[in-house]
mmCIF file of all heavy atoms, coordinates in Angstrom:
data_MODEL
# 
_entry.id   MODEL 
# 
loop_
_atom_site.group_PDB 
_atom_site.id 
_atom_site.type_symbol 
_atom_site.label_atom_id 
_atom_site.label_alt_id 
_atom_site.label_comp_id 
_atom_site.label_asym_id 
_atom_site.label_entity_id 
_atom_site.label_seq_id 
_atom_site.pdbx_PDB_ins_code 
_atom_site.Cartn_x 
_atom_site.Cartn_y 
_atom_site.Cartn_z 
_atom_site.occupancy 
_atom_site.B_iso_or_equiv 
_atom_site.pdbx_formal_charge 
_atom_site.auth_seq_id 
_atom_site.auth_comp_id 
_atom_site.auth_asym_id 
_atom_site.auth_atom_id 
_atom_site.pdbx_PDB_model_num 
ATOM 1   N N   . GLY A 1 1  ? 107.866 -25.049 207.837 1.00 0.00 ? 1  GLY A N   1 
ATOM 2   C CA  . GLY A 1 1  ? 107.320 -25.281 209.167 1.00 0.00 ? 1  GLY A CA  1 
ATOM 3   C C   . GLY A 1 1  ? 108.121 -24.650 210.284 1.00 0.00 ? 1  GLY A C   1 
ATOM 4   O O   . GLY A 1 1  ? 108.180 -25.189 211.399 1.00 0.00 ? 1  GLY A O   1 
ATOM 5   N N   . VAL A 1 2  ? 108.728 -23.489 210.028 1.00 0.00 ? 2  VAL A N   1 
ATOM 6   C CA  . VAL A 1 2  ? 109.524 -22.829 211.066 1.00 0.00 ? 2  VAL A CA  1 
ATOM 7   C C   . VAL A 1 2  ? 108.643 -22.408 212.236 1.00 0.00 ? 2  VAL A C   1 
ATOM 8   O O   . VAL A 1 2  ? 109.080 -22.373 213.389 1.00 0.00 ? 2  VAL A O   1 
ATOM 9   C CB  . VAL A 1 2  ? 110.268 -21.613 210.473 1.00 0.00 ? 2  VAL A CB  1 
ATOM 10  C CG1 . VAL A 1 2  ? 111.127 -20.931 211.531 1.00 0.00 ? 2  VAL A CG1 1 
ATOM 11  C CG2 . VAL A 1 2  ? 111.127 -22.033 209.288 1.00 0.00 ? 2  VAL A CG2 1 
ATOM 12  N N   . THR A 1 3  ? 107.374 -22.106 211.937 1.00 0.00 ? 3  THR A N   1 
ATOM 13  C CA  . THR A 1 3  ? 106.442 -21.741 213.009 1.00 0.00 ? 3  THR A CA  1 
ATOM 14  C C   . THR A 1 3  ? 106.352 -22.838 214.056 1.00 0.00 ? 3  THR A C   1 
ATOM 15  O O   . THR A 1 3  ? 106.361 -22.574 215.271 1.00 0.00 ? 3  THR A O   1 
ATOM 16  C CB  . THR A 1 3  ? 105.042 -21.472 212.418 1.00 0.00 ? 3  THR A CB  1 
ATOM 17  O OG1 . THR A 1 3  ? 105.120 -20.380 211.501 1.00 0.00 ? 3  THR A OG1 1 
ATOM 18  C CG2 . THR A 1 3  ? 104.052 -21.142 213.514 1.00 0.00 ? 3  THR A CG2 1 
ATOM 19  N N   . LEU A 1 4  ? 106.276 -24.091 213.607 1.00 0.00 ? 4  LEU A N   1 
ATOM 20  C CA  . LEU A 1 4  ? 106.218 -25.217 214.552 1.00 0.00 ? 4  LEU A CA  1 
ATOM 21  C C   . LEU A 1 4  ? 107.451 -25.270 215.436 1.00 0.00 ? 4  LEU A C   1 
ATOM 22  O O   . LEU A 1 4  ? 107.363 -25.517 216.644 1.00 0.00 ? 4  LEU A O   1 
ATOM 23  C CB  . LEU A 1 4  ? 106.078 -26.521 213.774 1.00 0.00 ? 4  LEU A CB  1 
ATOM 24  C CG  . LEU A 1 4  ? 104.686 -26.848 213.214 1.00 0.00 ? 4  LEU A CG  1 
ATOM 25  C CD1 . LEU A 1 4  ? 104.778 -27.987 212.212 1.00 0.00 ? 4  LEU A CD1 1 
ATOM 26  C CD2 . LEU A 1 4  ? 103.722 -27.178 214.333 1.00 0.00 ? 4  LEU A CD2 1 
ATOM 27  N N   . THR A 1 5  ? 108.606 -25.019 214.848 1.00 0.00 ? 5  THR A N   1 
ATOM 28  C CA  . THR A 1 5  ? 109.849 -25.034 215.625 1.00 0.00 ? 5  THR A CA  1 
ATOM 29  C C   . THR A 1 5  ? 109.844 -23.920 216.670 1.00 0.00 ? 5  THR A C   1 
ATOM 30  O O   . THR A 1 5  ? 110.307 -24.119 217.805 1.00 0.00 ? 5  THR A O   1 
ATOM 31  C CB  . THR A 1 5  ? 111.067 -24.880 214.694 1.00 0.00 ? 5  THR A CB  1 
ATOM 32  O OG1 . THR A 1 5  ? 110.968 -25.805 213.610 1.00 0.00 ? 5  THR A OG1 1 
ATOM 33  C CG2 . THR A 1 5  ? 112.356 -25.136 215.440 1.00 0.00 ? 5  THR A CG2 1 
ATOM 34  N N   . CYS A 1 6  ? 109.328 -22.755 216.291 1.00 0.00 ? 6  CYS A N   1 
ATOM 35  C CA  . CYS A 1 6  ? 109.232 -21.652 217.259 1.00 0.00 ? 6  CYS A CA  1 
ATOM 36  C C   . CYS A 1 6  ? 108.324 -22.022 218.427 1.00 0.00 ? 6  CYS A C   1 
ATOM 37  O O   . CYS A 1 6  ? 108.640 -21.730 219.600 1.00 0.00 ? 6  CYS A O   1 
ATOM 38  C CB  . CYS A 1 6  ? 108.686 -20.405 216.568 1.00 0.00 ? 6  CYS A CB  1 
ATOM 39  S SG  . CYS A 1 6  ? 109.802 -19.643 215.380 1.00 0.00 ? 6  CYS A SG  1 
ATOM 40  N N   . LEU A 1 7  ? 107.205 -22.682 218.152 1.00 0.00 ? 7  LEU A N   1 
ATOM 41  C CA  . LEU A 1 7  ? 106.301 -23.091 219.219 1.00 0.00 ? 7  LEU A CA  1 
ATOM 42  C C   . LEU A 1 7  ? 106.972 -24.097 220.143 1.00 0.00 ? 7  LEU A C   1 
ATOM 43  O O   . LEU A 1 7  ? 106.831 -24.027 221.371 1.00 0.00 ? 7  LEU A O   1 
ATOM 44  C CB  . LEU A 1 7  ? 105.017 -23.667 218.618 1.00 0.00 ? 7  LEU A CB  1 
ATOM 45  C CG  . LEU A 1 7  ? 104.149 -22.672 217.839 1.00 0.00 ? 7  LEU A CG  1 
ATOM 46  C CD1 . LEU A 1 7  ? 102.965 -23.380 217.202 1.00 0.00 ? 7  LEU A CD1 1 
ATOM 47  C CD2 . LEU A 1 7  ? 103.675 -21.541 218.738 1.00 0.00 ? 7  LEU A CD2 1 
ATOM 48  N N   . ASP A 1 8  ? 107.696 -25.034 219.572 1.00 0.00 ? 8  ASP A N   1 
ATOM 49  C CA  . ASP A 1 8  ? 108.439 -25.997 220.393 1.00 0.00 ? 8  ASP A CA  1 
ATOM 50  C C   . ASP A 1 8  ? 109.450 -25.295 221.285 1.00 0.00 ? 8  ASP A C   1 
ATOM 51  O O   . ASP A 1 8  ? 109.638 -25.666 222.458 1.00 0.00 ? 8  ASP A O   1 
ATOM 52  C CB  . ASP A 1 8  ? 109.170 -27.002 219.501 1.00 0.00 ? 8  ASP A CB  1 
ATOM 53  C CG  . ASP A 1 8  ? 108.227 -27.966 218.792 1.00 0.00 ? 8  ASP A CG  1 
ATOM 54  O OD1 . ASP A 1 8  ? 107.073 -28.116 219.254 1.00 0.00 ? 8  ASP A OD1 1 
ATOM 55  O OD2 . ASP A 1 8  ? 108.645 -28.548 217.772 1.00 0.00 ? 8  ASP A OD2 1 
ATOM 56  N N   . ALA A 1 9  ? 110.113 -24.284 220.748 1.00 0.00 ? 9  ALA A N   1 
ATOM 57  C CA  . ALA A 1 9  ? 111.171 -23.592 221.490 1.00 0.00 ? 9  ALA A CA  1 
ATOM 58  C C   . ALA A 1 9  ? 110.625 -22.766 222.649 1.00 0.00 ? 9  ALA A C   1 
ATOM 59  O O   . ALA A 1 9  ? 111.314 -22.593 223.669 1.00 0.00 ? 9  ALA A O   1 
ATOM 60  C CB  . ALA A 1 9  ? 111.957 -22.694 220.542 1.00 0.00 ? 9  ALA A CB  1 
ATOM 61  N N   . LEU A 1 10 ? 109.408 -22.262 222.532 1.00 0.00 ? 10 LEU A N   1 
ATOM 62  C CA  . LEU A 1 10 ? 108.894 -21.294 223.506 1.00 0.00 ? 10 LEU A CA  1 
ATOM 63  C C   . LEU A 1 10 ? 107.820 -21.853 224.419 1.00 0.00 ? 10 LEU A C   1 
ATOM 64  O O   . LEU A 1 10 ? 107.396 -21.170 225.363 1.00 0.00 ? 10 LEU A O   1 
ATOM 65  C CB  . LEU A 1 10 ? 108.347 -20.063 222.769 1.00 0.00 ? 10 LEU A CB  1 
ATOM 66  C CG  . LEU A 1 10 ? 109.352 -19.308 221.903 1.00 0.00 ? 10 LEU A CG  1 
ATOM 67  C CD1 . LEU A 1 10 ? 108.670 -18.178 221.158 1.00 0.00 ? 10 LEU A CD1 1 
ATOM 68  C CD2 . LEU A 1 10 ? 110.501 -18.767 222.744 1.00 0.00 ? 10 LEU A CD2 1 
ATOM 69  N N   . ASP A 1 11 ? 107.353 -23.056 224.172 1.00 0.00 ? 11 ASP A N   1 
ATOM 70  C CA  . ASP A 1 11 ? 106.263 -23.604 224.980 1.00 0.00 ? 11 ASP A CA  1 
ATOM 71  C C   . ASP A 1 11 ? 106.676 -23.743 226.440 1.00 0.00 ? 11 ASP A C   1 
ATOM 72  O O   . ASP A 1 11 ? 107.817 -24.079 226.758 1.00 0.00 ? 11 ASP A O   1 
ATOM 73  C CB  . ASP A 1 11 ? 105.841 -24.976 224.433 1.00 0.00 ? 11 ASP A CB  1 
ATOM 74  C CG  . ASP A 1 11 ? 104.492 -25.401 224.973 1.00 0.00 ? 11 ASP A CG  1 
ATOM 75  O OD1 . ASP A 1 11 ? 103.810 -24.573 225.631 1.00 0.00 ? 11 ASP A OD1 1 
ATOM 76  O OD2 . ASP A 1 11 ? 104.099 -26.558 224.736 1.00 0.00 ? 11 ASP A OD2 1 
ATOM 77  N N   . GLY A 1 12 ? 105.724 -23.445 227.311 1.00 0.00 ? 12 GLY A N   1 
ATOM 78  C CA  . GLY A 1 12 ? 105.948 -23.607 228.742 1.00 0.00 ? 12 GLY A CA  1 
ATOM 79  C C   . GLY A 1 12 ? 106.296 -22.337 229.476 1.00 0.00 ? 12 GLY A C   1 
ATOM 80  O O   . GLY A 1 12 ? 106.262 -22.299 230.708 1.00 0.00 ? 12 GLY A O   1 
ATOM 81  N N   . ARG A 1 13 ? 106.633 -21.266 228.744 1.00 0.00 ? 13 ARG A N   1 
ATOM 82  C CA  . ARG A 1 13 ? 106.978 -20.011 229.421 1.00 0.00 ? 13 ARG A CA  1 
ATOM 83  C C   . ARG A 1 13 ? 105.699 -19.309 229.873 1.00 0.00 ? 13 ARG A C   1 
ATOM 84  O O   . ARG A 1 13 ? 104.767 -19.104 229.095 1.00 0.00 ? 13 ARG A O   1 
ATOM 85  C CB  . ARG A 1 13 ? 107.776 -19.102 228.500 1.00 0.00 ? 13 ARG A CB  1 
ATOM 86  C CG  . ARG A 1 13 ? 109.177 -19.600 228.201 1.00 0.00 ? 13 ARG A CG  1 
ATOM 87  C CD  . ARG A 1 13 ? 110.000 -18.503 227.556 1.00 0.00 ? 13 ARG A CD  1 
ATOM 88  N NE  . ARG A 1 13 ? 110.234 -17.379 228.449 1.00 0.00 ? 13 ARG A NE  1 
ATOM 89  C CZ  . ARG A 1 13 ? 111.418 -17.036 228.949 1.00 0.00 ? 13 ARG A CZ  1 
ATOM 90  N NH1 . ARG A 1 13 ? 112.490 -17.753 228.652 1.00 0.00 ? 13 ARG A NH1 1 
ATOM 91  N NH2 . ARG A 1 13 ? 111.538 -15.993 229.732 1.00 0.00 ? 13 ARG A NH2 1 
ATOM 92  N N   . ALA A 1 14 ? 105.688 -18.907 231.147 1.00 0.00 ? 14 ALA A N   1 
ATOM 93  C CA  . ALA A 1 14 ? 104.509 -18.249 231.700 1.00 0.00 ? 14 ALA A CA  1 
ATOM 94  C C   . ALA A 1 14 ? 104.506 -16.749 231.457 1.00 0.00 ? 14 ALA A C   1 
ATOM 95  O O   . ALA A 1 14 ? 103.505 -16.078 231.737 1.00 0.00 ? 14 ALA A O   1 
ATOM 96  C CB  . ALA A 1 14 ? 104.431 -18.528 233.202 1.00 0.00 ? 14 ALA A CB  1 
ATOM 97  N N   . ASP A 1 15 ? 105.627 -16.217 230.958 1.00 0.00 ? 15 ASP A N   1 
ATOM 98  C CA  . ASP A 1 15 ? 105.730 -14.768 230.767 1.00 0.00 ? 15 ASP A CA  1 
ATOM 99  C C   . ASP A 1 15 ? 105.430 -14.356 229.333 1.00 0.00 ? 15 ASP A C   1 
ATOM 100 O O   . ASP A 1 15 ? 105.737 -13.235 228.913 1.00 0.00 ? 15 ASP A O   1 
ATOM 101 C CB  . ASP A 1 15 ? 107.127 -14.282 231.157 1.00 0.00 ? 15 ASP A CB  1 
ATOM 102 C CG  . ASP A 1 15 ? 108.236 -15.005 230.399 1.00 0.00 ? 15 ASP A CG  1 
ATOM 103 O OD1 . ASP A 1 15 ? 107.928 -16.012 229.726 1.00 0.00 ? 15 ASP A OD1 1 
ATOM 104 O OD2 . ASP A 1 15 ? 109.398 -14.564 230.480 1.00 0.00 ? 15 ASP A OD2 1 
ATOM 105 N N   . LEU A 1 16 ? 104.830 -15.260 228.547 1.00 0.00 ? 16 LEU A N   1 
ATOM 106 C CA  . LEU A 1 16 ? 104.578 -14.989 227.134 1.00 0.00 ? 16 LEU A CA  1 
ATOM 107 C C   . LEU A 1 16 ? 103.096 -15.017 226.810 1.00 0.00 ? 16 LEU A C   1 
ATOM 108 O O   . LEU A 1 16 ? 102.303 -15.725 227.434 1.00 0.00 ? 16 LEU A O   1 
ATOM 109 C CB  . LEU A 1 16 ? 105.266 -16.030 226.246 1.00 0.00 ? 16 LEU A CB  1 
ATOM 110 C CG  . LEU A 1 16 ? 106.780 -16.026 226.152 1.00 0.00 ? 16 LEU A CG  1 
ATOM 111 C CD1 . LEU A 1 16 ? 107.223 -17.055 225.131 1.00 0.00 ? 16 LEU A CD1 1 
ATOM 112 C CD2 . LEU A 1 16 ? 107.291 -14.661 225.778 1.00 0.00 ? 16 LEU A CD2 1 
ATOM 113 N N   . ASP A 1 17 ? 102.762 -14.268 225.772 1.00 0.00 ? 17 ASP A N   1 
ATOM 114 C CA  . ASP A 1 17 ? 101.463 -14.374 225.118 1.00 0.00 ? 17 ASP A CA  1 
ATOM 115 C C   . ASP A 1 17 ? 101.779 -14.449 223.627 1.00 0.00 ? 17 ASP A C   1 
ATOM 116 O O   . ASP A 1 17 ? 102.307 -13.481 223.053 1.00 0.00 ? 17 ASP A O   1 
ATOM 117 C CB  . ASP A 1 17 ? 100.589 -13.161 225.437 1.00 0.00 ? 17 ASP A CB  1 
ATOM 118 C CG  . ASP A 1 17 ? 99.194  -13.311 224.881 1.00 0.00 ? 17 ASP A CG  1 
ATOM 119 O OD1 . ASP A 1 17 ? 99.024  -13.132 223.654 1.00 0.00 ? 17 ASP A OD1 1 
ATOM 120 O OD2 . ASP A 1 17 ? 98.274  -13.598 225.657 1.00 0.00 ? 17 ASP A OD2 1 
ATOM 121 N N   . LEU A 1 18 ? 101.513 -15.587 222.985 1.00 0.00 ? 18 LEU A N   1 
ATOM 122 C CA  . LEU A 1 18 ? 101.942 -15.826 221.614 1.00 0.00 ? 18 LEU A CA  1 
ATOM 123 C C   . LEU A 1 18 ? 100.801 -15.646 220.618 1.00 0.00 ? 18 LEU A C   1 
ATOM 124 O O   . LEU A 1 18 ? 99.664  -16.038 220.878 1.00 0.00 ? 18 LEU A O   1 
ATOM 125 C CB  . LEU A 1 18 ? 102.495 -17.238 221.471 1.00 0.00 ? 18 LEU A CB  1 
ATOM 126 C CG  . LEU A 1 18 ? 103.798 -17.563 222.225 1.00 0.00 ? 18 LEU A CG  1 
ATOM 127 C CD1 . LEU A 1 18 ? 104.133 -19.042 222.071 1.00 0.00 ? 18 LEU A CD1 1 
ATOM 128 C CD2 . LEU A 1 18 ? 104.936 -16.704 221.712 1.00 0.00 ? 18 LEU A CD2 1 
ATOM 129 N N   . THR A 1 19 ? 101.150 -15.075 219.469 1.00 0.00 ? 19 THR A N   1 
ATOM 130 C CA  . THR A 1 19 ? 100.218 -14.965 218.349 1.00 0.00 ? 19 THR A CA  1 
ATOM 131 C C   . THR A 1 19 ? 100.899 -15.537 217.116 1.00 0.00 ? 19 THR A C   1 
ATOM 132 O O   . THR A 1 19 ? 101.978 -15.079 216.728 1.00 0.00 ? 19 THR A O   1 
ATOM 133 C CB  . THR A 1 19 ? 99.821  -13.497 218.083 1.00 0.00 ? 19 THR A CB  1 
ATOM 134 O OG1 . THR A 1 19 ? 99.131  -12.986 219.234 1.00 0.00 ? 19 THR A OG1 1 
ATOM 135 C CG2 . THR A 1 19 ? 98.907  -13.399 216.868 1.00 0.00 ? 19 THR A CG2 1 
ATOM 136 N N   . VAL A 1 20 ? 100.285 -16.530 216.496 1.00 0.00 ? 20 VAL A N   1 
ATOM 137 C CA  . VAL A 1 20 ? 100.805 -17.151 215.290 1.00 0.00 ? 20 VAL A CA  1 
ATOM 138 C C   . VAL A 1 20 ? 99.990  -16.644 214.103 1.00 0.00 ? 20 VAL A C   1 
ATOM 139 O O   . VAL A 1 20 ? 98.760  -16.675 214.126 1.00 0.00 ? 20 VAL A O   1 
ATOM 140 C CB  . VAL A 1 20 ? 100.720 -18.688 215.365 1.00 0.00 ? 20 VAL A CB  1 
ATOM 141 C CG1 . VAL A 1 20 ? 101.127 -19.316 214.039 1.00 0.00 ? 20 VAL A CG1 1 
ATOM 142 C CG2 . VAL A 1 20 ? 101.595 -19.207 216.502 1.00 0.00 ? 20 VAL A CG2 1 
ATOM 143 N N   . ILE A 1 21 ? 100.693 -16.168 213.053 1.00 0.00 ? 21 ILE A N   1 
ATOM 144 C CA  . ILE A 1 21 ? 100.025 -15.605 211.879 1.00 0.00 ? 21 ILE A CA  1 
ATOM 145 C C   . ILE A 1 21 ? 100.384 -16.448 210.667 1.00 0.00 ? 21 ILE A C   1 
ATOM 146 O O   . ILE A 1 21 ? 101.561 -16.582 210.314 1.00 0.00 ? 21 ILE A O   1 
ATOM 147 C CB  . ILE A 1 21 ? 100.456 -14.133 211.659 1.00 0.00 ? 21 ILE A CB  1 
ATOM 148 C CG1 . ILE A 1 21 ? 100.232 -13.324 212.932 1.00 0.00 ? 21 ILE A CG1 1 
ATOM 149 C CG2 . ILE A 1 21 ? 99.697  -13.516 210.485 1.00 0.00 ? 21 ILE A CG2 1 
ATOM 150 C CD1 . ILE A 1 21 ? 100.950 -11.993 212.940 1.00 0.00 ? 21 ILE A CD1 1 
ATOM 151 N N   . LEU A 1 22 ? 99.357  -17.016 210.026 1.00 0.00 ? 22 LEU A N   1 
ATOM 152 C CA  . LEU A 1 22 ? 99.569  -17.892 208.875 1.00 0.00 ? 22 LEU A CA  1 
ATOM 153 C C   . LEU A 1 22 ? 98.452  -17.711 207.851 1.00 0.00 ? 22 LEU A C   1 
ATOM 154 O O   . LEU A 1 22 ? 97.423  -17.086 208.139 1.00 0.00 ? 22 LEU A O   1 
ATOM 155 C CB  . LEU A 1 22 ? 99.606  -19.357 209.310 1.00 0.00 ? 22 LEU A CB  1 
ATOM 156 C CG  . LEU A 1 22 ? 100.884 -19.900 209.953 1.00 0.00 ? 22 LEU A CG  1 
ATOM 157 C CD1 . LEU A 1 22 ? 100.651 -21.324 210.442 1.00 0.00 ? 22 LEU A CD1 1 
ATOM 158 C CD2 . LEU A 1 22 ? 102.064 -19.847 208.993 1.00 0.00 ? 22 LEU A CD2 1 
ATOM 159 N N   . SER A 1 23 ? 98.663  -18.317 206.693 1.00 0.00 ? 23 SER A N   1 
ATOM 160 C CA  . SER A 1 23 ? 97.637  -18.390 205.659 1.00 0.00 ? 23 SER A CA  1 
ATOM 161 C C   . SER A 1 23 ? 96.913  -19.732 205.752 1.00 0.00 ? 23 SER A C   1 
ATOM 162 O O   . SER A 1 23 ? 97.460  -20.714 206.272 1.00 0.00 ? 23 SER A O   1 
ATOM 163 C CB  . SER A 1 23 ? 98.281  -18.248 204.278 1.00 0.00 ? 23 SER A CB  1 
ATOM 164 O OG  . SER A 1 23 ? 97.424  -18.703 203.258 1.00 0.00 ? 23 SER A OG  1 
ATOM 165 N N   . SER A 1 24 ? 95.683  -19.751 205.224 1.00 0.00 ? 24 SER A N   1 
ATOM 166 C CA  . SER A 1 24 ? 94.956  -21.029 205.152 1.00 0.00 ? 24 SER A CA  1 
ATOM 167 C C   . SER A 1 24 ? 95.662  -22.019 204.240 1.00 0.00 ? 24 SER A C   1 
ATOM 168 O O   . SER A 1 24 ? 95.374  -23.217 204.281 1.00 0.00 ? 24 SER A O   1 
ATOM 169 C CB  . SER A 1 24 ? 93.528  -20.792 204.639 1.00 0.00 ? 24 SER A CB  1 
ATOM 170 O OG  . SER A 1 24 ? 92.800  -20.033 205.571 1.00 0.00 ? 24 SER A OG  1 
ATOM 171 N N   . ASP A 1 25 ? 96.592  -21.514 203.416 1.00 0.00 ? 25 ASP A N   1 
ATOM 172 C CA  . ASP A 1 25 ? 97.356  -22.370 202.510 1.00 0.00 ? 25 ASP A CA  1 
ATOM 173 C C   . ASP A 1 25 ? 98.690  -22.806 203.099 1.00 0.00 ? 25 ASP A C   1 
ATOM 174 O O   . ASP A 1 25 ? 99.533  -23.361 202.384 1.00 0.00 ? 25 ASP A O   1 
ATOM 175 C CB  . ASP A 1 25 ? 97.598  -21.651 201.186 1.00 0.00 ? 25 ASP A CB  1 
ATOM 176 C CG  . ASP A 1 25 ? 96.307  -21.327 200.454 1.00 0.00 ? 25 ASP A CG  1 
ATOM 177 O OD1 . ASP A 1 25 ? 95.381  -22.157 200.512 1.00 0.00 ? 25 ASP A OD1 1 
ATOM 178 O OD2 . ASP A 1 25 ? 96.221  -20.244 199.841 1.00 0.00 ? 25 ASP A OD2 1 
ATOM 179 N N   . ALA A 1 26 ? 98.907  -22.546 204.370 1.00 0.00 ? 26 ALA A N   1 
ATOM 180 C CA  . ALA A 1 26 ? 100.181 -22.908 204.998 1.00 0.00 ? 26 ALA A CA  1 
ATOM 181 C C   . ALA A 1 26 ? 100.472 -24.392 204.825 1.00 0.00 ? 26 ALA A C   1 
ATOM 182 O O   . ALA A 1 26 ? 99.576  -25.245 204.948 1.00 0.00 ? 26 ALA A O   1 
ATOM 183 C CB  . ALA A 1 26 ? 100.161 -22.542 206.483 1.00 0.00 ? 26 ALA A CB  1 
ATOM 184 N N   . ALA A 1 27 ? 101.729 -24.692 204.550 1.00 0.00 ? 27 ALA A N   1 
ATOM 185 C CA  . ALA A 1 27 ? 102.112 -26.062 204.223 1.00 0.00 ? 27 ALA A CA  1 
ATOM 186 C C   . ALA A 1 27 ? 101.826 -27.037 205.367 1.00 0.00 ? 27 ALA A C   1 
ATOM 187 O O   . ALA A 1 27 ? 101.463 -28.192 205.131 1.00 0.00 ? 27 ALA A O   1 
ATOM 188 C CB  . ALA A 1 27 ? 103.595 -26.102 203.853 1.00 0.00 ? 27 ALA A CB  1 
ATOM 189 N N   . LYS A 1 28 ? 101.975 -26.593 206.607 1.00 0.00 ? 28 LYS A N   1 
ATOM 190 C CA  . LYS A 1 28 ? 101.791 -27.488 207.749 1.00 0.00 ? 28 LYS A CA  1 
ATOM 191 C C   . LYS A 1 28 ? 100.722 -26.942 208.694 1.00 0.00 ? 28 LYS A C   1 
ATOM 192 O O   . LYS A 1 28 ? 100.880 -26.954 209.917 1.00 0.00 ? 28 LYS A O   1 
ATOM 193 C CB  . LYS A 1 28 ? 103.123 -27.681 208.472 1.00 0.00 ? 28 LYS A CB  1 
ATOM 194 C CG  . LYS A 1 28 ? 104.204 -28.290 207.567 1.00 0.00 ? 28 LYS A CG  1 
ATOM 195 C CD  . LYS A 1 28 ? 105.475 -28.606 208.300 1.00 0.00 ? 28 LYS A CD  1 
ATOM 196 C CE  . LYS A 1 28 ? 106.510 -29.224 207.344 1.00 0.00 ? 28 LYS A CE  1 
ATOM 197 N NZ  . LYS A 1 28 ? 107.765 -29.589 208.026 1.00 0.00 ? 28 LYS A NZ  1 
# 
């Protein structure tokens, strides 16, 4: 679930546009 930690770390920044790439089989 490192992706979740990255989202927590970066949320709220107005200078970002985020793209998350995962599989339908992702654990979380």
